[in-house]
Protein backbone atom coordinates (compact mmCIF):
# COMPACT_ATOMS: atom_id res chain seq x y z
CA MET A 1 237.02 124.25 140.34
CA ARG A 2 239.44 121.42 139.40
CA ARG A 3 238.71 121.92 135.71
CA ARG A 4 239.53 125.61 136.06
CA ARG A 5 242.78 124.63 137.86
CA PHE A 6 243.63 122.22 135.03
CA VAL A 7 243.00 124.91 132.40
CA GLN A 8 244.95 127.45 134.49
CA THR A 9 247.86 125.02 134.75
CA LEU A 10 247.87 124.53 130.97
CA GLY A 11 247.87 128.30 130.46
CA ALA A 12 250.69 128.82 132.96
CA SER A 13 252.67 125.99 131.35
CA ALA A 14 252.29 127.64 127.94
CA LEU A 15 253.48 130.95 129.41
CA VAL A 16 256.47 129.28 131.06
CA TRP A 17 257.34 127.44 127.85
CA SER A 18 257.17 130.60 125.75
CA ALA A 19 259.15 132.56 128.38
CA GLY A 20 261.80 129.85 128.30
CA CYS A 21 262.04 130.13 124.53
CA THR A 22 262.54 133.88 124.78
CA GLU A 23 265.26 133.51 127.41
CA GLN A 24 267.09 130.91 125.33
CA SER A 25 267.24 133.19 122.30
CA ASP A 26 269.13 135.88 124.29
CA ASP A 27 272.63 134.54 124.89
CA THR A 28 273.65 137.55 127.03
CA THR A 29 270.95 137.11 129.74
CA PRO A 30 271.47 134.23 132.19
CA ALA A 31 268.29 132.29 132.97
CA PHE A 32 266.30 132.64 136.20
CA GLU A 33 267.50 129.83 138.45
CA VAL A 34 266.44 128.23 141.72
CA SER A 35 268.11 125.41 143.61
CA SER A 36 267.81 123.83 147.02
CA PRO A 37 270.68 122.84 149.30
CA ALA A 38 268.43 119.96 150.52
CA PHE A 39 267.77 118.24 147.16
CA SER A 40 268.17 118.54 143.40
CA SER A 41 265.59 118.19 140.69
CA GLY A 42 265.14 114.49 139.96
CA ASP A 43 266.04 113.45 143.53
CA THR A 44 263.80 111.95 146.17
CA LEU A 45 262.23 114.49 148.54
CA PRO A 46 263.93 114.00 151.93
CA PRO A 47 261.48 112.75 154.60
CA ARG A 48 262.30 115.83 156.72
CA PHE A 49 260.02 117.86 154.43
CA THR A 50 257.10 115.36 154.54
CA CYS A 51 254.59 114.00 157.05
CA ASP A 52 257.09 111.21 157.74
CA GLY A 53 259.63 113.66 159.18
CA GLU A 54 259.59 117.11 160.76
CA GLY A 55 257.21 118.41 158.08
CA VAL A 56 259.12 121.68 157.60
CA SER A 57 259.29 123.74 154.42
CA PRO A 58 262.43 123.24 152.29
CA PRO A 59 265.09 125.90 151.66
CA PHE A 60 265.72 127.53 148.28
CA VAL A 61 268.54 129.57 146.73
CA ILE A 62 267.41 132.10 144.10
CA GLU A 63 269.70 133.46 141.38
CA ARG A 64 269.40 135.77 138.38
CA VAL A 65 265.93 137.16 139.06
CA PRO A 66 264.70 138.74 135.80
CA GLU A 67 263.80 142.41 135.52
CA PRO A 68 261.31 143.93 136.25
CA THR A 69 260.38 141.48 139.03
CA ALA A 70 258.30 143.09 141.79
CA ALA A 71 258.01 139.98 144.00
CA LEU A 72 258.80 136.26 144.12
CA ALA A 73 256.40 133.41 144.85
CA VAL A 74 256.54 129.66 145.46
CA THR A 75 253.94 126.97 144.90
CA ALA A 76 254.25 123.30 145.73
CA GLU A 77 251.97 120.54 144.47
CA TYR A 78 252.06 116.84 143.88
CA ASP A 79 250.84 115.01 140.81
CA GLY A 80 247.63 113.22 141.69
CA GLY A 81 246.65 112.71 138.04
CA VAL A 82 245.35 114.88 135.18
CA PHE A 83 242.52 116.45 137.17
CA SER A 84 244.12 116.40 140.61
CA GLN A 85 247.15 118.53 141.39
CA PRO A 86 246.89 119.07 145.17
CA VAL A 87 248.63 122.30 146.18
CA PHE A 88 250.28 122.00 149.57
CA TRP A 89 252.10 125.36 149.77
CA THR A 90 251.78 128.86 148.39
CA LEU A 91 254.14 131.67 149.35
CA TRP A 92 254.04 135.10 147.69
CA ASN A 93 255.28 138.69 147.97
CA VAL A 94 258.80 137.54 148.79
CA PRO A 95 261.04 140.59 148.09
CA PRO A 96 262.74 140.25 144.65
CA GLU A 97 266.23 140.79 146.11
CA THR A 98 265.84 137.66 148.28
CA GLU A 99 268.68 135.21 147.63
CA ARG A 100 267.68 132.51 150.15
CA ILE A 101 264.36 131.23 151.44
CA PRO A 102 265.25 129.38 154.65
CA ALA A 103 263.92 125.97 155.67
CA GLY A 104 261.28 125.69 158.35
CA LEU A 105 259.26 128.85 157.74
CA PRO A 106 256.72 129.43 160.52
CA ARG A 107 253.09 128.49 159.80
CA LYS A 108 251.79 132.04 159.81
CA PRO A 109 249.81 134.05 157.21
CA THR A 110 252.46 136.82 157.10
CA LEU A 111 256.22 136.33 157.53
CA ASP A 112 257.91 139.45 158.87
CA THR A 113 261.27 137.63 158.71
CA LEU A 114 260.84 137.29 154.93
CA GLY A 115 259.95 140.90 154.13
CA GLY A 116 256.22 140.52 154.85
CA ALA A 117 255.77 137.55 152.49
CA ARG A 118 252.42 135.80 152.76
CA GLN A 119 251.37 132.16 152.84
CA GLY A 120 248.20 130.41 151.79
CA THR A 121 246.20 127.78 153.61
CA GLN A 122 244.23 124.62 152.96
CA PRO A 123 241.35 124.80 155.49
CA PRO A 124 241.05 123.65 158.19
CA ASN A 125 244.87 123.71 158.46
CA GLU A 126 247.03 126.64 159.52
CA PRO A 127 248.58 128.85 156.82
CA GLY A 128 251.94 127.76 155.49
CA TYR A 129 253.67 124.64 154.27
CA GLU A 130 251.50 121.55 154.64
CA PRO A 131 253.94 118.62 154.54
CA PRO A 132 253.06 116.29 151.69
CA CYS A 133 251.53 113.00 152.73
CA PRO A 134 250.39 111.28 149.51
CA PRO A 135 248.66 107.89 149.45
CA ALA A 136 251.04 105.20 150.69
CA GLY A 137 253.02 102.75 148.63
CA GLN A 138 253.51 104.46 145.26
CA PRO A 139 255.80 107.28 144.09
CA TYR A 140 254.31 110.72 143.56
CA GLU A 141 255.96 113.58 141.71
CA HIS A 142 256.21 116.79 143.74
CA ARG A 143 256.81 120.11 142.01
CA PHE A 144 258.25 123.19 143.68
CA GLN A 145 257.73 126.11 141.29
CA VAL A 146 259.35 129.49 141.96
CA TYR A 147 257.92 132.51 140.15
CA ALA A 148 259.12 135.99 139.30
CA LEU A 149 256.02 138.22 139.48
CA GLY A 150 255.41 141.49 137.67
CA GLU A 151 253.57 142.94 140.67
CA LYS A 152 253.14 142.41 144.40
CA LEU A 153 249.89 140.55 145.04
CA SER A 154 247.10 142.21 147.00
CA ILE A 155 245.64 138.97 148.38
CA GLU A 156 245.89 138.49 152.13
CA GLY A 157 247.93 135.85 153.93
CA GLY A 158 245.75 132.85 154.75
CA THR A 159 244.04 132.88 151.32
CA GLU A 160 243.11 129.36 150.18
CA GLN A 161 245.91 127.62 148.24
CA GLU A 162 243.98 127.27 144.96
CA GLU A 163 242.98 130.96 144.80
CA ALA A 164 246.54 132.01 145.71
CA SER A 165 247.97 129.73 142.97
CA GLU A 166 245.69 131.25 140.35
CA THR A 167 246.59 134.80 141.41
CA ILE A 168 250.30 133.94 141.29
CA ALA A 169 249.95 132.46 137.78
CA ASN A 170 248.22 135.63 136.57
CA ALA A 171 251.17 137.84 137.61
CA LEU A 172 253.87 135.59 136.12
CA ILE A 173 256.96 136.98 134.38
CA ALA A 174 259.13 133.85 134.57
CA SER A 175 259.32 130.64 136.55
CA THR A 176 261.56 127.71 137.26
CA ARG A 177 260.81 124.34 138.80
CA LEU A 178 262.38 121.64 140.93
CA THR A 179 260.71 118.23 140.59
CA VAL A 180 261.26 115.43 143.10
CA ASP A 181 259.60 112.10 143.85
CA TYR A 182 258.36 110.87 147.17
CA THR A 183 256.80 107.59 148.25
CA HIS A 184 254.92 107.61 151.53
CA PRO A 185 255.80 104.25 153.11
CA ALA A 186 253.09 101.61 153.07
CA GLY A 187 251.76 100.58 156.46
CA THR A 188 252.00 104.06 158.03
CA ASP A 189 249.02 105.71 159.72
CA SER A 190 249.49 109.20 158.20
């Protein structure tokens, strides 16, 4: 399963790279962009969004969604090495006209407040954002990837994170990423 995830990640990366090249060649079309009012790419992930704080999902601002996007999705993973990219959040079927994903989304399979968007799960945990809690004492890179999808996904809320990630990657039109570091303090019990 991890090998398939690694191969899938390589394929998605190639798609993203080639999509980026296409967007750069068209000077009249602004690029798909996502930011967060809580952090910037290259920053440290604030503890509020980790197991050392409230453990809530971060907010995002979405701009210039490409056509013909049918839905938006978010995945979050941390870099545990070449064959280990633990996914700690999947969110999909966010309406394409959404400009803001608020912080602190409820841990439910379906989010009526976000147009019926759905969230994945990592059993035995509840669906939704699982606050990152990497091994203590060393920095880990965390990637929040936002996707423009060519179709709404038919998978149900509560689907396991890995399956949801693969389904999201297969419907990809464009994506953008925020990358942050986080070091879980040494000597903590989490």
